[in-house]
């Protein structure tokens, strides 16, 4: 199973570089428990897992009513495995070996599809528009150029516009549950966003977090 672990860690590193927060587990039961918490936007699920295989994890999530998009990875080839994976409720599948570029394209497609199903992928706060599918940001007619992490922080604020979003929430969704660096990294990104988008758009609520508002 060492090959699978290496693959998982390598995919996680690549997706993190794309701006996603990634949690990695190497056991089916633990994966089911983590996915059932309902805080993830997408699950990439290897069929070959110890403890509980990917088919059973997927079937258990669907039986419990979780509609998170699931991308299955399988080392087997053939229509039977594809059919079995999709029958258990997976949204898409990839047969190993696969191209990393293809995996990222499938991930983005599934997230776009979920965005359309759950409402518009464009979050508007006053004249600020955050296009979560195209990962572009506009202030009025002008486009703001953000890094992947800046976009991810802004997306968390825009999803809950008008509400106070705590620093721990931002850390968990933008970095990951195991982040052990300086939590003040969030302040660095908030400062950068204020510089690029205008300071008035992001309010600090002392002791509680940050709130995205329409610029006055």
C-alpha atoms as a PDB file:
ATOM      1  CA  UNK A   1       0.000   0.000   0.000  1.00  0.00           C
ATOM      2  CA  UNK A   2       3.068   2.282   0.087  1.00  0.00           C
ATOM      3  CA  UNK A   3       2.527   3.172  -3.581  1.00  0.00           C
ATOM      4  CA  UNK A   4      -1.026   4.311  -2.810  1.00  0.00           C
ATOM      5  CA  UNK A   5       0.229   6.423   0.112  1.00  0.00           C
ATOM      6  CA  UNK A   6       2.862   8.065  -2.079  1.00  0.00           C
ATOM      7  CA  UNK A   7       0.273   8.746  -4.779  1.00  0.00           C
ATOM      8  CA  UNK A   8      -2.136  10.280  -2.240  1.00  0.00           C
ATOM      9  CA  UNK A   9       0.530  12.574  -0.785  1.00  0.00           C
ATOM     10  CA  UNK A  10       1.728  13.607  -4.228  1.00  0.00           C
ATOM     11  CA  UNK A  11      -1.845  14.424  -5.362  1.00  0.00           C
ATOM     12  CA  UNK A  12      -2.424  16.351  -2.133  1.00  0.00           C
ATOM     13  CA  UNK A  13       0.707  18.436  -2.723  1.00  0.00           C
ATOM     14  CA  UNK A  14      -0.374  19.203  -6.289  1.00  0.00           C
ATOM     15  CA  UNK A  15      -3.946  20.150  -5.341  1.00  0.00           C
ATOM     16  CA  UNK A  16      -2.674  22.299  -2.461  1.00  0.00           C
ATOM     17  CA  UNK A  17      -0.511  24.188  -4.963  1.00  0.00           C
ATOM     18  CA  UNK A  18      -3.673  24.765  -7.028  1.00  0.00           C
ATOM     19  CA  UNK A  19      -5.197  26.548  -4.032  1.00  0.00           C
ATOM     20  CA  UNK A  20      -7.316  23.760  -2.542  1.00  0.00           C
ATOM     21  CA  UNK A  21      -7.265  22.736   1.131  1.00  0.00           C
ATOM     22  CA  UNK A  22      -6.649  18.981   1.193  1.00  0.00           C
ATOM     23  CA  UNK A  23      -7.096  16.386   3.940  1.00  0.00           C
ATOM     24  CA  UNK A  24      -5.453  12.979   3.363  1.00  0.00           C
ATOM     25  CA  UNK A  25      -6.426   9.707   5.046  1.00  0.00           C
ATOM     26  CA  UNK A  26      -5.073   6.257   4.153  1.00  0.00           C
ATOM     27  CA  UNK A  27      -7.805   4.059   5.671  1.00  0.00           C
ATOM     28  CA  UNK A  28     -11.337   3.496   4.371  1.00  0.00           C
ATOM     29  CA  UNK A  29     -13.100   3.687   7.744  1.00  0.00           C
ATOM     30  CA  UNK A  30     -11.289   6.860   8.724  1.00  0.00           C
ATOM     31  CA  UNK A  31     -12.031   8.292   5.272  1.00  0.00           C
ATOM     32  CA  UNK A  32     -15.734   7.537   5.696  1.00  0.00           C
ATOM     33  CA  UNK A  33     -15.756   9.211   9.107  1.00  0.00           C
ATOM     34  CA  UNK A  34     -13.953  12.307   7.799  1.00  0.00           C
ATOM     35  CA  UNK A  35     -16.112  12.604   4.660  1.00  0.00           C
ATOM     36  CA  UNK A  36     -19.309  12.159   6.715  1.00  0.00           C
ATOM     37  CA  UNK A  37     -18.453  15.330   8.669  1.00  0.00           C
ATOM     38  CA  UNK A  38     -19.820  17.194   5.648  1.00  0.00           C
ATOM     39  CA  UNK A  39     -17.165  19.930   5.482  1.00  0.00           C
ATOM     40  CA  UNK A  40     -15.580  18.869   2.181  1.00  0.00           C
ATOM     41  CA  UNK A  41     -16.508  20.113  -1.295  1.00  0.00           C
ATOM     42  CA  UNK A  42     -15.255  16.949  -3.033  1.00  0.00           C
ATOM     43  CA  UNK A  43     -13.893  13.476  -2.216  1.00  0.00           C
ATOM     44  CA  UNK A  44     -11.190  11.746  -4.303  1.00  0.00           C
ATOM     45  CA  UNK A  45     -11.589   8.087  -3.346  1.00  0.00           C
ATOM     46  CA  UNK A  46      -9.199   5.242  -4.135  1.00  0.00           C
ATOM     47  CA  UNK A  47     -10.961   1.883  -4.497  1.00  0.00           C
ATOM     48  CA  UNK A  48      -7.979   0.025  -2.974  1.00  0.00           C
ATOM     49  CA  UNK A  49      -8.183   1.103   0.680  1.00  0.00           C
ATOM     50  CA  UNK A  50      -7.449  -0.885   3.858  1.00  0.00           C
ATOM     51  CA  UNK A  51     -10.220  -1.183   6.443  1.00  0.00           C
ATOM     52  CA  UNK A  52     -13.047  -0.516   3.988  1.00  0.00           C
ATOM     53  CA  UNK A  53     -12.716  -0.376   0.215  1.00  0.00           C
ATOM     54  CA  UNK A  54     -13.695   2.626  -1.881  1.00  0.00           C
ATOM     55  CA  UNK A  55     -16.904   1.055  -3.193  1.00  0.00           C
ATOM     56  CA  UNK A  56     -18.178   0.516   0.349  1.00  0.00           C
ATOM     57  CA  UNK A  57     -17.119   3.991   1.513  1.00  0.00           C
ATOM     58  CA  UNK A  58     -18.942   5.561  -1.438  1.00  0.00           C
ATOM     59  CA  UNK A  59     -22.078   3.434  -0.930  1.00  0.00           C
ATOM     60  CA  UNK A  60     -22.131   4.246   2.808  1.00  0.00           C
ATOM     61  CA  UNK A  61     -21.862   8.005   2.162  1.00  0.00           C
ATOM     62  CA  UNK A  62     -24.710   7.916  -0.352  1.00  0.00           C
ATOM     63  CA  UNK A  63     -26.865   5.718   1.918  1.00  0.00           C
ATOM     64  CA  UNK A  64     -26.405   8.305   4.679  1.00  0.00           C
ATOM     65  CA  UNK A  65     -27.628  11.054   2.336  1.00  0.00           C
ATOM     66  CA  UNK A  66     -24.294  12.804   1.627  1.00  0.00           C
ATOM     67  CA  UNK A  67     -24.279  14.342  -1.866  1.00  0.00           C
ATOM     68  CA  UNK A  68     -20.620  15.454  -1.937  1.00  0.00           C
ATOM     69  CA  UNK A  69     -19.117  14.867  -5.414  1.00  0.00           C
ATOM     70  CA  UNK A  70     -16.989  11.690  -5.443  1.00  0.00           C
ATOM     71  CA  UNK A  71     -14.199  10.992  -7.938  1.00  0.00           C
ATOM     72  CA  UNK A  72     -13.152   7.307  -7.817  1.00  0.00           C
ATOM     73  CA  UNK A  73      -9.609   6.137  -8.599  1.00  0.00           C
ATOM     74  CA  UNK A  74      -9.174   2.527  -9.703  1.00  0.00           C
ATOM     75  CA  UNK A  75      -6.205   0.448 -10.817  1.00  0.00           C
ATOM     76  CA  UNK A  76      -8.535  -1.908 -12.663  1.00  0.00           C
ATOM     77  CA  UNK A  77      -9.724  -1.371 -16.196  1.00  0.00           C
ATOM     78  CA  UNK A  78     -12.944  -2.462 -17.771  1.00  0.00           C
ATOM     79  CA  UNK A  79     -16.633  -1.638 -17.932  1.00  0.00           C
ATOM     80  CA  UNK A  80     -17.527  -3.763 -14.890  1.00  0.00           C
ATOM     81  CA  UNK A  81     -15.468  -1.674 -12.484  1.00  0.00           C
ATOM     82  CA  UNK A  82     -16.652   1.581 -13.998  1.00  0.00           C
ATOM     83  CA  UNK A  83     -20.255   0.430 -13.680  1.00  0.00           C
ATOM     84  CA  UNK A  84     -19.745  -0.766 -10.112  1.00  0.00           C
ATOM     85  CA  UNK A  85     -18.142   2.520  -9.110  1.00  0.00           C
ATOM     86  CA  UNK A  86     -20.913   4.602 -10.652  1.00  0.00           C
ATOM     87  CA  UNK A  87     -23.615   2.265  -9.275  1.00  0.00           C
ATOM     88  CA  UNK A  88     -22.400   2.911  -5.735  1.00  0.00           C
ATOM     89  CA  UNK A  89     -22.956   6.639  -6.298  1.00  0.00           C
ATOM     90  CA  UNK A  90     -19.623   7.965  -7.606  1.00  0.00           C
ATOM     91  CA  UNK A  91     -19.886  10.999  -9.907  1.00  0.00           C
ATOM     92  CA  UNK A  92     -16.821  10.221 -12.012  1.00  0.00           C
ATOM     93  CA  UNK A  93     -13.891   7.792 -12.141  1.00  0.00           C
ATOM     94  CA  UNK A  94     -10.282   7.681 -13.306  1.00  0.00           C
ATOM     95  CA  UNK A  95      -8.292   4.535 -14.090  1.00  0.00           C
ATOM     96  CA  UNK A  96      -4.662   4.454 -12.904  1.00  0.00           C
ATOM     97  CA  UNK A  97      -2.212   5.377 -14.234  1.00  0.00           C
ATOM     98  CA  UNK A  98      -3.717   8.765 -15.071  1.00  0.00           C
ATOM     99  CA  UNK A  99      -2.396  12.198 -15.947  1.00  0.00           C
ATOM    100  CA  UNK A 100      -2.334  14.697 -13.071  1.00  0.00           C
ATOM    101  CA  UNK A 101      -3.612  17.354 -15.513  1.00  0.00           C
ATOM    102  CA  UNK A 102      -6.640  15.149 -16.252  1.00  0.00           C
ATOM    103  CA  UNK A 103      -7.306  14.655 -12.539  1.00  0.00           C
ATOM    104  CA  UNK A 104      -7.288  18.421 -11.903  1.00  0.00           C
ATOM    105  CA  UNK A 105      -9.613  18.969 -14.877  1.00  0.00           C
ATOM    106  CA  UNK A 106     -12.058  16.352 -13.510  1.00  0.00           C
ATOM    107  CA  UNK A 107     -11.900  17.901 -10.021  1.00  0.00           C
ATOM    108  CA  UNK A 108     -12.659  21.378 -11.418  1.00  0.00           C
ATOM    109  CA  UNK A 109     -15.504  20.016 -13.578  1.00  0.00           C
ATOM    110  CA  UNK A 110     -17.132  18.280 -10.593  1.00  0.00           C
ATOM    111  CA  UNK A 111     -16.828  21.416  -8.456  1.00  0.00           C
ATOM    112  CA  UNK A 112     -18.311  23.550 -11.270  1.00  0.00           C
ATOM    113  CA  UNK A 113     -21.204  21.102 -11.608  1.00  0.00           C
ATOM    114  CA  UNK A 114     -21.820  21.256  -7.861  1.00  0.00           C
ATOM    115  CA  UNK A 115     -21.668  25.058  -7.998  1.00  0.00           C
ATOM    116  CA  UNK A 116     -24.395  25.157 -10.656  1.00  0.00           C
ATOM    117  CA  UNK A 117     -26.541  22.662  -8.751  1.00  0.00           C
ATOM    118  CA  UNK A 118     -26.208  24.629  -5.532  1.00  0.00           C
ATOM    119  CA  UNK A 119     -26.818  28.025  -7.117  1.00  0.00           C
ATOM    120  CA  UNK A 120     -24.803  30.529  -9.090  1.00  0.00           C
ATOM    121  CA  UNK A 121     -21.023  30.039  -8.991  1.00  0.00           C
ATOM    122  CA  UNK A 122     -20.700  33.855  -8.942  1.00  0.00           C
ATOM    123  CA  UNK A 123     -20.838  35.395  -5.463  1.00  0.00           C
ATOM    124  CA  UNK A 124     -21.723  39.102  -5.519  1.00  0.00           C
ATOM    125  CA  UNK A 125     -21.126  41.484  -2.618  1.00  0.00           C
ATOM    126  CA  UNK A 126     -21.947  45.006  -3.753  1.00  0.00           C
ATOM    127  CA  UNK A 127     -19.859  45.636  -6.872  1.00  0.00           C
ATOM    128  CA  UNK A 128     -17.462  42.806  -5.953  1.00  0.00           C
ATOM    129  CA  UNK A 129     -18.010  39.604  -7.952  1.00  0.00           C
ATOM    130  CA  UNK A 130     -16.238  36.354  -7.080  1.00  0.00           C
ATOM    131  CA  UNK A 131     -16.544  33.766  -9.852  1.00  0.00           C
ATOM    132  CA  UNK A 132     -15.858  30.494  -8.027  1.00  0.00           C
ATOM    133  CA  UNK A 133     -15.928  28.396 -11.221  1.00  0.00           C
ATOM    134  CA  UNK A 134     -13.513  30.521 -13.281  1.00  0.00           C
ATOM    135  CA  UNK A 135     -11.647  31.617 -10.103  1.00  0.00           C
ATOM    136  CA  UNK A 136     -11.739  35.279 -11.156  1.00  0.00           C
ATOM    137  CA  UNK A 137     -12.568  38.388  -9.133  1.00  0.00           C
ATOM    138  CA  UNK A 138     -13.976  41.704 -10.368  1.00  0.00           C
ATOM    139  CA  UNK A 139     -14.328  45.022  -8.557  1.00  0.00           C
ATOM    140  CA  UNK A 140     -16.864  46.792 -10.741  1.00  0.00           C
ATOM    141  CA  UNK A 141     -15.454  46.474 -14.266  1.00  0.00           C
ATOM    142  CA  UNK A 142     -11.862  45.931 -13.135  1.00  0.00           C
ATOM    143  CA  UNK A 143     -10.433  42.453 -12.610  1.00  0.00           C
ATOM    144  CA  UNK A 144      -8.302  41.901  -9.504  1.00  0.00           C
ATOM    145  CA  UNK A 145      -5.361  39.502  -9.821  1.00  0.00           C
ATOM    146  CA  UNK A 146      -5.234  37.201  -6.792  1.00  0.00           C
ATOM    147  CA  UNK A 147      -2.969  34.317  -5.860  1.00  0.00           C
ATOM    148  CA  UNK A 148      -4.575  30.888  -5.295  1.00  0.00           C
ATOM    149  CA  UNK A 149      -4.479  31.326  -1.493  1.00  0.00           C
ATOM    150  CA  UNK A 150      -5.819  34.902  -1.626  1.00  0.00           C
ATOM    151  CA  UNK A 151      -8.708  33.671  -3.760  1.00  0.00           C
ATOM    152  CA  UNK A 152      -9.421  30.816  -1.360  1.00  0.00           C
ATOM    153  CA  UNK A 153      -9.537  33.197   1.646  1.00  0.00           C
ATOM    154  CA  UNK A 154     -11.808  35.613  -0.235  1.00  0.00           C
ATOM    155  CA  UNK A 155     -14.069  32.742  -1.314  1.00  0.00           C
ATOM    156  CA  UNK A 156     -14.594  31.760   2.345  1.00  0.00           C
ATOM    157  CA  UNK A 157     -15.578  35.339   3.208  1.00  0.00           C
ATOM    158  CA  UNK A 158     -17.788  35.765   0.119  1.00  0.00           C
ATOM    159  CA  UNK A 159     -19.640  32.489   0.736  1.00  0.00           C
ATOM    160  CA  UNK A 160     -20.713  33.910   4.096  1.00  0.00           C
ATOM    161  CA  UNK A 161     -20.867  37.595   3.118  1.00  0.00           C
ATOM    162  CA  UNK A 162     -22.179  39.814   5.911  1.00  0.00           C
ATOM    163  CA  UNK A 163     -21.379  37.172   8.541  1.00  0.00           C
ATOM    164  CA  UNK A 164     -18.353  37.039  10.817  1.00  0.00           C
ATOM    165  CA  UNK A 165     -15.959  34.309   9.682  1.00  0.00           C
ATOM    166  CA  UNK A 166     -13.488  33.224  12.367  1.00  0.00           C
ATOM    167  CA  UNK A 167      -9.770  32.754  11.800  1.00  0.00           C
ATOM    168  CA  UNK A 168     -10.019  29.010  12.700  1.00  0.00           C
ATOM    169  CA  UNK A 169     -12.692  28.547   9.984  1.00  0.00           C
ATOM    170  CA  UNK A 170     -10.473  30.180   7.378  1.00  0.00           C
ATOM    171  CA  UNK A 171      -7.451  28.144   8.454  1.00  0.00           C
ATOM    172  CA  UNK A 172      -9.385  24.869   8.291  1.00  0.00           C
ATOM    173  CA  UNK A 173     -10.888  25.484   4.847  1.00  0.00           C
ATOM    174  CA  UNK A 174      -7.989  27.248   3.134  1.00  0.00           C
ATOM    175  CA  UNK A 175      -5.042  25.405   4.646  1.00  0.00           C
ATOM    176  CA  UNK A 176      -6.186  22.138   6.276  1.00  0.00           C
ATOM    177  CA  UNK A 177      -7.043  20.514   9.587  1.00  0.00           C
ATOM    178  CA  UNK A 178      -3.403  19.574  10.248  1.00  0.00           C
ATOM    179  CA  UNK A 179      -1.907  23.046   9.662  1.00  0.00           C
ATOM    180  CA  UNK A 180       0.592  23.726  12.447  1.00  0.00           C
ATOM    181  CA  UNK A 181       2.088  27.000  11.246  1.00  0.00           C
ATOM    182  CA  UNK A 182       1.438  30.485  12.579  1.00  0.00           C
ATOM    183  CA  UNK A 183      -2.349  31.187  12.630  1.00  0.00           C
ATOM    184  CA  UNK A 184      -1.492  34.853  11.998  1.00  0.00           C
ATOM    185  CA  UNK A 185      -0.891  33.824   8.368  1.00  0.00           C
ATOM    186  CA  UNK A 186      -4.604  34.627   7.902  1.00  0.00           C
ATOM    187  CA  UNK A 187      -3.955  38.283   8.807  1.00  0.00           C
ATOM    188  CA  UNK A 188      -1.246  38.450   6.142  1.00  0.00           C
ATOM    189  CA  UNK A 189      -3.721  37.344   3.464  1.00  0.00           C
ATOM    190  CA  UNK A 190      -6.483  39.636   4.765  1.00  0.00           C
ATOM    191  CA  UNK A 191      -4.050  42.597   4.530  1.00  0.00           C
ATOM    192  CA  UNK A 192      -3.146  41.610   0.996  1.00  0.00           C
ATOM    193  CA  UNK A 193      -6.830  41.340  -0.010  1.00  0.00           C
ATOM    194  CA  UNK A 194      -7.558  44.756   1.496  1.00  0.00           C
ATOM    195  CA  UNK A 195      -4.698  46.217  -0.538  1.00  0.00           C
ATOM    196  CA  UNK A 196      -6.021  44.723  -3.775  1.00  0.00           C
ATOM    197  CA  UNK A 197      -9.782  45.093  -3.234  1.00  0.00           C
ATOM    198  CA  UNK A 198     -10.074  48.115  -0.928  1.00  0.00           C
ATOM    199  CA  UNK A 199      -9.755  48.142   2.861  1.00  0.00           C
ATOM    200  CA  UNK A 200     -13.420  48.991   3.487  1.00  0.00           C
ATOM    201  CA  UNK A 201     -14.637  45.681   2.033  1.00  0.00           C
ATOM    202  CA  UNK A 202     -13.208  43.498   4.829  1.00  0.00           C
ATOM    203  CA  UNK A 203     -14.062  44.488   8.395  1.00  0.00           C
ATOM    204  CA  UNK A 204     -12.229  43.145  11.437  1.00  0.00           C
ATOM    205  CA  UNK A 205     -14.543  42.089  14.264  1.00  0.00           C
ATOM    206  CA  UNK A 206     -12.189  42.127  17.230  1.00  0.00           C
ATOM    207  CA  UNK A 207     -11.838  38.742  18.900  1.00  0.00           C
ATOM    208  CA  UNK A 208     -14.227  37.086  16.443  1.00  0.00           C
ATOM    209  CA  UNK A 209     -12.939  37.246  12.867  1.00  0.00           C
ATOM    210  CA  UNK A 210     -13.624  39.065   9.605  1.00  0.00           C
ATOM    211  CA  UNK A 211     -16.710  40.176   7.693  1.00  0.00           C
ATOM    212  CA  UNK A 212     -16.960  40.876   3.937  1.00  0.00           C
ATOM    213  CA  UNK A 213     -19.299  43.796   3.165  1.00  0.00           C
ATOM    214  CA  UNK A 214     -20.208  45.926   0.166  1.00  0.00           C
ATOM    215  CA  UNK A 215     -17.852  48.862  -0.218  1.00  0.00           C
ATOM    216  CA  UNK A 216     -19.610  52.099   0.696  1.00  0.00           C
END
